[in-house]
Amino acid sequence: MSYAVVYVTFPDRKSANKISKHLLKNKLIVCSNIFQVSSEYWWKKRIEKTREVAMLAKTTDKKFAEVKKEIIRLHPYKVPVIEKIKASANTSAEKWIRSYLK
């Protein structure tokens, strides 16, 4: 089984935690890791440098569209970047993911 890791950045920990908790409660993700990052990116024809909070969330390929829809609906950024990364793991981890995200 392969699954998906969803990578998203947020302006602060509060918004990341709010969306993570929403996705967990609705059984769209099985786990999230939230951590501070330093980001550099193009915005309005300039290079910006900002402190952000990133989230890695584990979900299934089947649930990704709904995860994306909910993040877009709740995210404070005008243009949130929601990246799907195909992943695979050890058998017991994949069983754990599958058992919660049926």
PDB file of N, CA and C in Angstrom:
ATOM      1  N   MET A   1       0.847  -1.184   0.000  1.00  0.00           N
ATOM      2  CA  MET A   1       0.000   0.000   0.000  1.00  0.00           C
ATOM      3  C   MET A   1       0.884   1.236   0.000  1.00  0.00           C
ATOM      4  N   SER A   2       0.547   2.179  -0.801  1.00  0.00           N
ATOM      5  CA  SER A   2       1.210   3.468  -0.662  1.00  0.00           C
ATOM      6  C   SER A   2       0.201   4.429  -0.061  1.00  0.00           C
ATOM      7  N   TYR A   3       0.702   5.458   0.525  1.00  0.00           N
ATOM      8  CA  TYR A   3      -0.165   6.474   1.096  1.00  0.00           C
ATOM      9  C   TYR A   3       0.395   7.828   0.701  1.00  0.00           C
ATOM     10  N   ALA A   4      -0.209   8.883   1.177  1.00  0.00           N
ATOM     11  CA  ALA A   4       0.229  10.224   0.816  1.00  0.00           C
ATOM     12  C   ALA A   4       0.635  10.996   2.064  1.00  0.00           C
ATOM     13  N   VAL A   5       1.679  11.774   1.910  1.00  0.00           N
ATOM     14  CA  VAL A   5       2.066  12.744   2.918  1.00  0.00           C
ATOM     15  C   VAL A   5       1.708  14.101   2.335  1.00  0.00           C
ATOM     16  N   VAL A   6       0.972  14.879   3.094  1.00  0.00           N
ATOM     17  CA  VAL A   6       0.550  16.201   2.656  1.00  0.00           C
ATOM     18  C   VAL A   6       1.432  17.229   3.353  1.00  0.00           C
ATOM     19  N   TYR A   7       2.063  18.100   2.554  1.00  0.00           N
ATOM     20  CA  TYR A   7       2.939  19.141   3.097  1.00  0.00           C
ATOM     21  C   TYR A   7       2.272  20.493   2.875  1.00  0.00           C
ATOM     22  N   VAL A   8       2.105  21.254   3.964  1.00  0.00           N
ATOM     23  CA  VAL A   8       1.455  22.565   3.896  1.00  0.00           C
ATOM     24  C   VAL A   8       2.164  23.499   4.879  1.00  0.00           C
ATOM     25  N   THR A   9       2.324  24.762   4.492  1.00  0.00           N
ATOM     26  CA  THR A   9       2.863  25.756   5.424  1.00  0.00           C
ATOM     27  C   THR A   9       1.749  26.691   5.887  1.00  0.00           C
ATOM     28  N   PHE A  10       1.950  27.266   7.070  1.00  0.00           N
ATOM     29  CA  PHE A  10       0.982  28.146   7.722  1.00  0.00           C
ATOM     30  C   PHE A  10       1.710  29.356   8.301  1.00  0.00           C
ATOM     31  N   PRO A  11       0.980  30.434   8.546  1.00  0.00           N
ATOM     32  CA  PRO A  11       1.619  31.616   9.130  1.00  0.00           C
ATOM     33  C   PRO A  11       1.988  31.430  10.602  1.00  0.00           C
ATOM     34  N   ASP A  12       1.293  30.516  11.292  1.00  0.00           N
ATOM     35  CA  ASP A  12       1.537  30.338  12.726  1.00  0.00           C
ATOM     36  C   ASP A  12       1.068  28.957  13.183  1.00  0.00           C
ATOM     37  N   ARG A  13       1.483  28.611  14.386  1.00  0.00           N
ATOM     38  CA  ARG A  13       1.148  27.299  14.959  1.00  0.00           C
ATOM     39  C   ARG A  13      -0.353  27.178  15.228  1.00  0.00           C
ATOM     40  N   LYS A  14      -0.995  28.262  15.610  1.00  0.00           N
ATOM     41  CA  LYS A  14      -2.429  28.229  15.913  1.00  0.00           C
ATOM     42  C   LYS A  14      -3.247  27.766  14.704  1.00  0.00           C
ATOM     43  N   SER A  15      -2.979  28.323  13.533  1.00  0.00           N
ATOM     44  CA  SER A  15      -3.737  27.920  12.338  1.00  0.00           C
ATOM     45  C   SER A  15      -3.389  26.496  11.917  1.00  0.00           C
ATOM     46  N   ALA A  16      -2.129  26.106  12.050  1.00  0.00           N
ATOM     47  CA  ALA A  16      -1.734  24.721  11.715  1.00  0.00           C
ATOM     48  C   ALA A  16      -2.422  23.731  12.646  1.00  0.00           C
ATOM     49  N   ASN A  17      -2.422  24.027  13.941  1.00  0.00           N
ATOM     50  CA  ASN A  17      -3.072  23.134  14.913  1.00  0.00           C
ATOM     51  C   ASN A  17      -4.575  23.047  14.683  1.00  0.00           C
ATOM     52  N   LYS A  18      -5.198  24.166  14.355  1.00  0.00           N
ATOM     53  CA  LYS A  18      -6.647  24.189  14.113  1.00  0.00           C
ATOM     54  C   LYS A  18      -7.008  23.272  12.939  1.00  0.00           C
ATOM     55  N   ILE A  19      -6.259  23.394  11.845  1.00  0.00           N
ATOM     56  CA  ILE A  19      -6.562  22.579  10.665  1.00  0.00           C
ATOM     57  C   ILE A  19      -6.197  21.121  10.903  1.00  0.00           C
ATOM     58  N   SER A  20      -5.084  20.874  11.573  1.00  0.00           N
ATOM     59  CA  SER A  20      -4.706  19.495  11.897  1.00  0.00           C
ATOM     60  C   SER A  20      -5.790  18.819  12.721  1.00  0.00           C
ATOM     61  N   LYS A  21      -6.253  19.488  13.761  1.00  0.00           N
ATOM     62  CA  LYS A  21      -7.287  18.917  14.631  1.00  0.00           C
ATOM     63  C   LYS A  21      -8.577  18.646  13.839  1.00  0.00           C
ATOM     64  N   HIS A  22      -8.961  19.563  12.955  1.00  0.00           N
ATOM     65  CA  HIS A  22     -10.154  19.379  12.117  1.00  0.00           C
ATOM     66  C   HIS A  22     -10.001  18.135  11.230  1.00  0.00           C
ATOM     67  N   LEU A  23      -8.843  17.994  10.591  1.00  0.00           N
ATOM     68  CA  LEU A  23      -8.606  16.849   9.707  1.00  0.00           C
ATOM     69  C   LEU A  23      -8.587  15.539  10.489  1.00  0.00           C
ATOM     70  N   LEU A  24      -7.989  15.555  11.680  1.00  0.00           N
ATOM     71  CA  LEU A  24      -7.962  14.357  12.527  1.00  0.00           C
ATOM     72  C   LEU A  24      -9.370  13.969  12.986  1.00  0.00           C
ATOM     73  N   LYS A  25     -10.127  14.945  13.482  1.00  0.00           N
ATOM     74  CA  LYS A  25     -11.481  14.658  13.980  1.00  0.00           C
ATOM     75  C   LYS A  25     -12.379  14.099  12.887  1.00  0.00           C
ATOM     76  N   ASN A  26     -12.151  14.531  11.646  1.00  0.00           N
ATOM     77  CA  ASN A  26     -12.971  14.064  10.529  1.00  0.00           C
ATOM     78  C   ASN A  26     -12.377  12.847   9.826  1.00  0.00           C
ATOM     79  N   LYS A  27     -11.358  12.245  10.448  1.00  0.00           N
ATOM     80  CA  LYS A  27     -10.693  11.041   9.934  1.00  0.00           C
ATOM     81  C   LYS A  27     -10.237  11.189   8.486  1.00  0.00           C
ATOM     82  N   LEU A  28      -9.670  12.379   8.188  1.00  0.00           N
ATOM     83  CA  LEU A  28      -9.097  12.616   6.867  1.00  0.00           C
ATOM     84  C   LEU A  28      -7.592  12.397   6.881  1.00  0.00           C
ATOM     85  N   ILE A  29      -6.990  12.528   8.057  1.00  0.00           N
ATOM     86  CA  ILE A  29      -5.567  12.221   8.251  1.00  0.00           C
ATOM     87  C   ILE A  29      -5.450  11.343   9.490  1.00  0.00           C
ATOM     88  N   VAL A  30      -4.343  10.632   9.584  1.00  0.00           N
ATOM     89  CA  VAL A  30      -4.131   9.769  10.743  1.00  0.00           C
ATOM     90  C   VAL A  30      -3.117  10.387  11.714  1.00  0.00           C
ATOM     91  N   CYS A  31      -2.326  11.344  11.225  1.00  0.00           N
ATOM     92  CA  CYS A  31      -1.247  11.907  12.028  1.00  0.00           C
ATOM     93  C   CYS A  31      -0.763  13.195  11.370  1.00  0.00           C
ATOM     94  N   SER A  32      -0.279  14.132  12.180  1.00  0.00           N
ATOM     95  CA  SER A  32       0.401  15.294  11.606  1.00  0.00           C
ATOM     96  C   SER A  32       1.611  15.642  12.451  1.00  0.00           C
ATOM     97  N   ASN A  33       2.620  16.153  11.791  1.00  0.00           N
ATOM     98  CA  ASN A  33       3.817  16.668  12.449  1.00  0.00           C
ATOM     99  C   ASN A  33       3.867  18.154  12.113  1.00  0.00           C
ATOM    100  N   ILE A  34       3.972  18.972  13.138  1.00  0.00           N
ATOM    101  CA  ILE A  34       3.958  20.418  12.949  1.00  0.00           C
ATOM    102  C   ILE A  34       5.254  20.978  13.499  1.00  0.00           C
ATOM    103  N   PHE A  35       5.938  21.807  12.690  1.00  0.00           N
ATOM    104  CA  PHE A  35       7.244  22.324  13.111  1.00  0.00           C
ATOM    105  C   PHE A  35       7.536  23.675  12.479  1.00  0.00           C
ATOM    106  N   GLN A  36       8.392  24.443  13.132  1.00  0.00           N
ATOM    107  CA  GLN A  36       8.800  25.775  12.677  1.00  0.00           C
ATOM    108  C   GLN A  36       9.765  25.640  11.502  1.00  0.00           C
ATOM    109  N   VAL A  37       9.598  26.483  10.470  1.00  0.00           N
ATOM    110  CA  VAL A  37      10.494  26.498   9.320  1.00  0.00           C
ATOM    111  C   VAL A  37      10.813  27.939   8.932  1.00  0.00           C
ATOM    112  N   SER A  38      11.881  28.100   8.208  1.00  0.00           N
ATOM    113  CA  SER A  38      12.230  29.382   7.613  1.00  0.00           C
ATOM    114  C   SER A  38      11.996  29.228   6.111  1.00  0.00           C
ATOM    115  N   SER A  39      11.154  30.089   5.541  1.00  0.00           N
ATOM    116  CA  SER A  39      10.783  29.957   4.134  1.00  0.00           C
ATOM    117  C   SER A  39      11.270  31.149   3.318  1.00  0.00           C
ATOM    118  N   GLU A  40      11.699  30.862   2.094  1.00  0.00           N
ATOM    119  CA  GLU A  40      12.049  31.893   1.122  1.00  0.00           C
ATOM    120  C   GLU A  40      11.281  31.591  -0.146  1.00  0.00           C
ATOM    121  N   TYR A  41      10.625  32.610  -0.723  1.00  0.00           N
ATOM    122  CA  TYR A  41       9.757  32.383  -1.864  1.00  0.00           C
ATOM    123  C   TYR A  41       9.489  33.687  -2.614  1.00  0.00           C
ATOM    124  N   TRP A  42       9.030  33.523  -3.849  1.00  0.00           N
ATOM    125  CA  TRP A  42       8.624  34.658  -4.655  1.00  0.00           C
ATOM    126  C   TRP A  42       7.197  35.052  -4.285  1.00  0.00           C
ATOM    127  N   TRP A  43       6.954  36.361  -4.092  1.00  0.00           N
ATOM    128  CA  TRP A  43       5.604  36.868  -3.852  1.00  0.00           C
ATOM    129  C   TRP A  43       5.559  38.323  -4.312  1.00  0.00           C
ATOM    130  N   LYS A  44       4.632  38.619  -5.181  1.00  0.00           N
ATOM    131  CA  LYS A  44       4.453  39.966  -5.726  1.00  0.00           C
ATOM    132  C   LYS A  44       5.758  40.536  -6.281  1.00  0.00           C
ATOM    133  N   LYS A  45       6.424  39.700  -7.106  1.00  0.00           N
ATOM    134  CA  LYS A  45       7.635  40.068  -7.834  1.00  0.00           C
ATOM    135  C   LYS A  45       8.842  40.376  -6.944  1.00  0.00           C
ATOM    136  N   ARG A  46       8.816  39.839  -5.719  1.00  0.00           N
ATOM    137  CA  ARG A  46       9.942  40.002  -4.796  1.00  0.00           C
ATOM    138  C   ARG A  46      10.239  38.682  -4.108  1.00  0.00           C
ATOM    139  N   ILE A  47      11.465  38.535  -3.682  1.00  0.00           N
ATOM    140  CA  ILE A  47      11.800  37.372  -2.861  1.00  0.00           C
ATOM    141  C   ILE A  47      11.532  37.739  -1.407  1.00  0.00           C
ATOM    142  N   GLU A  48      10.725  36.915  -0.757  1.00  0.00           N
ATOM    143  CA  GLU A  48      10.365  37.117   0.643  1.00  0.00           C
ATOM    144  C   GLU A  48      11.065  36.075   1.505  1.00  0.00           C
ATOM    145  N   LYS A  49      11.295  36.411   2.740  1.00  0.00           N
ATOM    146  CA  LYS A  49      11.842  35.470   3.726  1.00  0.00           C
ATOM    147  C   LYS A  49      10.977  35.595   4.971  1.00  0.00           C
ATOM    148  N   THR A  50      10.438  34.449   5.414  1.00  0.00           N
ATOM    149  CA  THR A  50       9.472  34.460   6.506  1.00  0.00           C
ATOM    150  C   THR A  50       9.650  33.242   7.401  1.00  0.00           C
ATOM    151  N   ARG A  51       9.281  33.397   8.647  1.00  0.00           N
ATOM    152  CA  ARG A  51       9.148  32.239   9.537  1.00  0.00           C
ATOM    153  C   ARG A  51       7.731  31.723   9.363  1.00  0.00           C
ATOM    154  N   GLU A  52       7.622  30.423   9.158  1.00  0.00           N
ATOM    155  CA  GLU A  52       6.317  29.793   9.012  1.00  0.00           C
ATOM    156  C   GLU A  52       6.287  28.532   9.862  1.00  0.00           C
ATOM    157  N   VAL A  53       5.143  27.902   9.874  1.00  0.00           N
ATOM    158  CA  VAL A  53       4.971  26.606  10.517  1.00  0.00           C
ATOM    159  C   VAL A  53       4.569  25.635   9.414  1.00  0.00           C
ATOM    160  N   ALA A  54       5.229  24.491   9.359  1.00  0.00           N
ATOM    161  CA  ALA A  54       4.922  23.483   8.337  1.00  0.00           C
ATOM    162  C   ALA A  54       4.217  22.302   8.988  1.00  0.00           C
ATOM    163  N   MET A  55       3.368  21.671   8.191  1.00  0.00           N
ATOM    164  CA  MET A  55       2.682  20.462   8.644  1.00  0.00           C
ATOM    165  C   MET A  55       2.913  19.356   7.620  1.00  0.00           C
ATOM    166  N   LEU A  56       3.310  18.196   8.119  1.00  0.00           N
ATOM    167  CA  LEU A  56       3.328  16.962   7.330  1.00  0.00           C
ATOM    168  C   LEU A  56       2.200  16.107   7.882  1.00  0.00           C
ATOM    169  N   ALA A  57       1.272  15.709   7.032  1.00  0.00           N
ATOM    170  CA  ALA A  57       0.127  14.918   7.482  1.00  0.00           C
ATOM    171  C   ALA A  57       0.032  13.639   6.659  1.00  0.00           C
ATOM    172  N   LYS A  58      -0.244  12.545   7.339  1.00  0.00           N
ATOM    173  CA  LYS A  58      -0.363  11.248   6.665  1.00  0.00           C
ATOM    174  C   LYS A  58      -1.829  10.971   6.347  1.00  0.00           C
ATOM    175  N   THR A  59      -2.087  10.604   5.092  1.00  0.00           N
ATOM    176  CA  THR A  59      -3.432  10.263   4.656  1.00  0.00           C
ATOM    177  C   THR A  59      -3.344   9.206   3.566  1.00  0.00           C
ATOM    178  N   THR A  60      -4.477   8.789   3.048  1.00  0.00           N
ATOM    179  CA  THR A  60      -4.478   7.852   1.924  1.00  0.00           C
ATOM    180  C   THR A  60      -4.662   8.625   0.626  1.00  0.00           C
ATOM    181  N   ASP A  61      -4.268   8.010  -0.475  1.00  0.00           N
ATOM    182  CA  ASP A  61      -4.472   8.635  -1.785  1.00  0.00           C
ATOM    183  C   ASP A  61      -5.957   8.949  -1.983  1.00  0.00           C
ATOM    184  N   LYS A  62      -6.798   8.053  -1.526  1.00  0.00           N
ATOM    185  CA  LYS A  62      -8.247   8.169  -1.685  1.00  0.00           C
ATOM    186  C   LYS A  62      -8.812   9.407  -0.968  1.00  0.00           C
ATOM    187  N   LYS A  63      -8.213   9.771   0.157  1.00  0.00           N
ATOM    188  CA  LYS A  63      -8.724  10.892   0.955  1.00  0.00           C
ATOM    189  C   LYS A  63      -8.076  12.227   0.606  1.00  0.00           C
ATOM    190  N   PHE A  64      -7.050  12.235  -0.237  1.00  0.00           N
ATOM    191  CA  PHE A  64      -6.309  13.467  -0.508  1.00  0.00           C
ATOM    192  C   PHE A  64      -7.187  14.603  -1.035  1.00  0.00           C
ATOM    193  N   ALA A  65      -8.089  14.327  -1.957  1.00  0.00           N
ATOM    194  CA  ALA A  65      -8.937  15.391  -2.532  1.00  0.00           C
ATOM    195  C   ALA A  65      -9.753  16.084  -1.441  1.00  0.00           C
ATOM    196  N   GLU A  66     -10.282  15.312  -0.504  1.00  0.00           N
ATOM    197  CA  GLU A  66     -11.069  15.899   0.578  1.00  0.00           C
ATOM    198  C   GLU A  66     -10.180  16.670   1.559  1.00  0.00           C
ATOM    199  N   VAL A  67      -8.979  16.144   1.826  1.00  0.00           N
ATOM    200  CA  VAL A  67      -8.015  16.851   2.682  1.00  0.00           C
ATOM    201  C   VAL A  67      -7.699  18.215   2.065  1.00  0.00           C
ATOM    202  N   LYS A  68      -7.401  18.210   0.779  1.00  0.00           N
ATOM    203  CA  LYS A  68      -7.068  19.448   0.069  1.00  0.00           C
ATOM    204  C   LYS A  68      -8.228  20.445   0.135  1.00  0.00           C
ATOM    205  N   LYS A  69      -9.426  19.967  -0.114  1.00  0.00           N
ATOM    206  CA  LYS A  69     -10.625  20.819  -0.090  1.00  0.00           C
ATOM    207  C   LYS A  69     -10.792  21.485   1.282  1.00  0.00           C
ATOM    208  N   GLU A  70     -10.628  20.722   2.340  1.00  0.00           N
ATOM    209  CA  GLU A  70     -10.789  21.251   3.695  1.00  0.00           C
ATOM    210  C   GLU A  70      -9.678  22.234   4.063  1.00  0.00           C
ATOM    211  N   ILE A  71      -8.455  21.940   3.653  1.00  0.00           N
ATOM    212  CA  ILE A  71      -7.355  22.879   3.932  1.00  0.00           C
ATOM    213  C   ILE A  71      -7.618  24.199   3.224  1.00  0.00           C
ATOM    214  N   ILE A  72      -8.006  24.153   1.952  1.00  0.00           N
ATOM    215  CA  ILE A  72      -8.300  25.381   1.203  1.00  0.00           C
ATOM    216  C   ILE A  72      -9.418  26.167   1.890  1.00  0.00           C
ATOM    217  N   ARG A  73     -10.434  25.480   2.346  1.00  0.00           N
ATOM    218  CA  ARG A  73     -11.580  26.136   2.989  1.00  0.00           C
ATOM    219  C   ARG A  73     -11.189  26.843   4.293  1.00  0.00           C
ATOM    220  N   LEU A  74     -10.269  26.253   5.059  1.00  0.00           N
ATOM    221  CA  LEU A  74      -9.940  26.758   6.391  1.00  0.00           C
ATOM    222  C   LEU A  74      -8.644  27.572   6.466  1.00  0.00           C
ATOM    223  N   HIS A  75      -7.817  27.504   5.454  1.00  0.00           N
ATOM    224  CA  HIS A  75      -6.479  28.095   5.505  1.00  0.00           C
ATOM    225  C   HIS A  75      -6.526  29.622   5.460  1.00  0.00           C
ATOM    226  N   PRO A  76      -5.692  30.296   6.268  1.00  0.00           N
ATOM    227  CA  PRO A  76      -5.694  31.760   6.268  1.00  0.00           C
ATOM    228  C   PRO A  76      -4.978  32.401   5.074  1.00  0.00           C
ATOM    229  N   TYR A  77      -4.101  31.662   4.376  1.00  0.00           N
ATOM    230  CA  TYR A  77      -3.398  32.242   3.230  1.00  0.00           C
ATOM    231  C   TYR A  77      -4.324  32.386   2.031  1.00  0.00           C
ATOM    232  N   LYS A  78      -4.082  33.412   1.244  1.00  0.00           N
ATOM    233  CA  LYS A  78      -4.809  33.616  -0.007  1.00  0.00           C
ATOM    234  C   LYS A  78      -4.463  32.497  -0.999  1.00  0.00           C
ATOM    235  N   VAL A  79      -3.185  32.074  -1.004  1.00  0.00           N
ATOM    236  CA  VAL A  79      -2.717  31.013  -1.906  1.00  0.00           C
ATOM    237  C   VAL A  79      -1.980  29.945  -1.091  1.00  0.00           C
ATOM    238  N   PRO A  80      -2.721  29.052  -0.421  1.00  0.00           N
ATOM    239  CA  PRO A  80      -2.015  27.983   0.299  1.00  0.00           C
ATOM    240  C   PRO A  80      -1.441  26.973  -0.700  1.00  0.00           C
ATOM    241  N   VAL A  81      -0.248  26.494  -0.415  1.00  0.00           N
ATOM    242  CA  VAL A  81       0.361  25.456  -1.256  1.00  0.00           C
ATOM    243  C   VAL A  81       0.176  24.131  -0.518  1.00  0.00           C
ATOM    244  N   ILE A  82      -0.530  23.217  -1.159  1.00  0.00           N
ATOM    245  CA  ILE A  82      -0.849  21.924  -0.567  1.00  0.00           C
ATOM    246  C   ILE A  82      -0.225  20.863  -1.458  1.00  0.00           C
ATOM    247  N   GLU A  83       0.853  20.261  -0.974  1.00  0.00           N
ATOM    248  CA  GLU A  83       1.601  19.310  -1.791  1.00  0.00           C
ATOM    249  C   GLU A  83       1.346  17.883  -1.335  1.00  0.00           C
ATOM    250  N   LYS A  84       1.150  17.016  -2.313  1.00  0.00           N
ATOM    251  CA  LYS A  84       0.955  15.586  -2.051  1.00  0.00           C
ATOM    252  C   LYS A  84       2.246  14.863  -2.423  1.00  0.00           C
ATOM    253  N   ILE A  85       2.767  14.103  -1.464  1.00  0.00           N
ATOM    254  CA  ILE A  85       3.984  13.325  -1.676  1.00  0.00           C
ATOM    255  C   ILE A  85       3.621  11.854  -1.498  1.00  0.00           C
ATOM    256  N   LYS A  86       3.856  11.055  -2.545  1.00  0.00           N
ATOM    257  CA  LYS A  86       3.597   9.606  -2.446  1.00  0.00           C
ATOM    258  C   LYS A  86       4.600   9.014  -1.462  1.00  0.00           C
ATOM    259  N   ALA A  87       4.125   8.112  -0.610  1.00  0.00           N
ATOM    260  CA  ALA A  87       5.002   7.525   0.391  1.00  0.00           C
ATOM    261  C   ALA A  87       4.664   6.051   0.599  1.00  0.00           C
ATOM    262  N   SER A  88       5.619   5.347   1.167  1.00  0.00           N
ATOM    263  CA  SER A  88       5.377   3.986   1.627  1.00  0.00           C
ATOM    264  C   SER A  88       6.144   3.824   2.929  1.00  0.00           C
ATOM    265  N   ALA A  89       5.718   2.880   3.740  1.00  0.00           N
ATOM    266  CA  ALA A  89       6.335   2.706   5.061  1.00  0.00           C
ATOM    267  C   ALA A  89       6.413   1.233   5.401  1.00  0.00           C
ATOM    268  N   ASN A  90       6.902   0.961   6.603  1.00  0.00           N
ATOM    269  CA  ASN A  90       6.936  -0.411   7.088  1.00  0.00           C
ATOM    270  C   ASN A  90       5.505  -0.934   7.226  1.00  0.00           C
ATOM    271  N   THR A  91       5.348  -2.233   7.163  1.00  0.00           N
ATOM    272  CA  THR A  91       4.037  -2.874   7.143  1.00  0.00           C
ATOM    273  C   THR A  91       3.157  -2.476   8.318  1.00  0.00           C
ATOM    274  N   SER A  92       3.708  -2.439   9.524  1.00  0.00           N
ATOM    275  CA  SER A  92       2.877  -2.112  10.693  1.00  0.00           C
ATOM    276  C   SER A  92       2.392  -0.658  10.636  1.00  0.00           C
ATOM    277  N   ALA A  93       3.201   0.248  10.131  1.00  0.00           N
ATOM    278  CA  ALA A  93       2.769   1.645   9.998  1.00  0.00           C
ATOM    279  C   ALA A  93       1.659   1.762   8.959  1.00  0.00           C
ATOM    280  N   GLU A  94       1.803   1.065   7.861  1.00  0.00           N
ATOM    281  CA  GLU A  94       0.775   1.111   6.820  1.00  0.00           C
ATOM    282  C   GLU A  94      -0.541   0.500   7.311  1.00  0.00           C
ATOM    283  N   LYS A  95      -0.470  -0.545   8.132  1.00  0.00           N
ATOM    284  CA  LYS A  95      -1.685  -1.140   8.716  1.00  0.00           C
ATOM    285  C   LYS A  95      -2.364  -0.118   9.631  1.00  0.00           C
ATOM    286  N   TRP A  96      -1.570   0.588  10.414  1.00  0.00           N
ATOM    287  CA  TRP A  96      -2.082   1.609  11.330  1.00  0.00           C
ATOM    288  C   TRP A  96      -2.801   2.708  10.552  1.00  0.00           C
ATOM    289  N   ILE A  97      -2.194   3.190   9.478  1.00  0.00           N
ATOM    290  CA  ILE A  97      -2.810   4.224   8.634  1.00  0.00           C
ATOM    291  C   ILE A  97      -4.133   3.715   8.063  1.00  0.00           C
ATOM    292  N   ARG A  98      -4.078   2.529   7.486  1.00  0.00           N
ATOM    293  CA  ARG A  98      -5.274   1.938   6.859  1.00  0.00           C
ATOM    294  C   ARG A  98      -6.392   1.720   7.876  1.00  0.00           C
ATOM    295  N   SER A  99      -6.036   1.325   9.116  1.00  0.00           N
ATOM    296  CA  SER A  99      -7.061   1.009  10.109  1.00  0.00           C
ATOM    297  C   SER A  99      -7.884   2.231  10.523  1.00  0.00           C
ATOM    298  N   TYR A 100      -7.325   3.413  10.451  1.00  0.00           N
ATOM    299  CA  TYR A 100      -8.052   4.620  10.839  1.00  0.00           C
ATOM    300  C   TYR A 100      -8.692   5.343   9.660  1.00  0.00           C
ATOM    301  N   LEU A 101      -8.156   5.154   8.468  1.00  0.00           N
ATOM    302  CA  LEU A 101      -8.643   5.908   7.301  1.00  0.00           C
ATOM    303  C   LEU A 101      -9.301   4.981   6.295  1.00  0.00           C
ATOM    304  N   LYS A 102     -10.351   4.326   6.704  1.00  0.00           N
ATOM    305  CA  LYS A 102     -11.054   3.382   5.821  1.00  0.00           C
ATOM    306  C   LYS A 102     -11.947   4.115   4.873  1.00  0.00           C
TER     307      LYS A 102
END
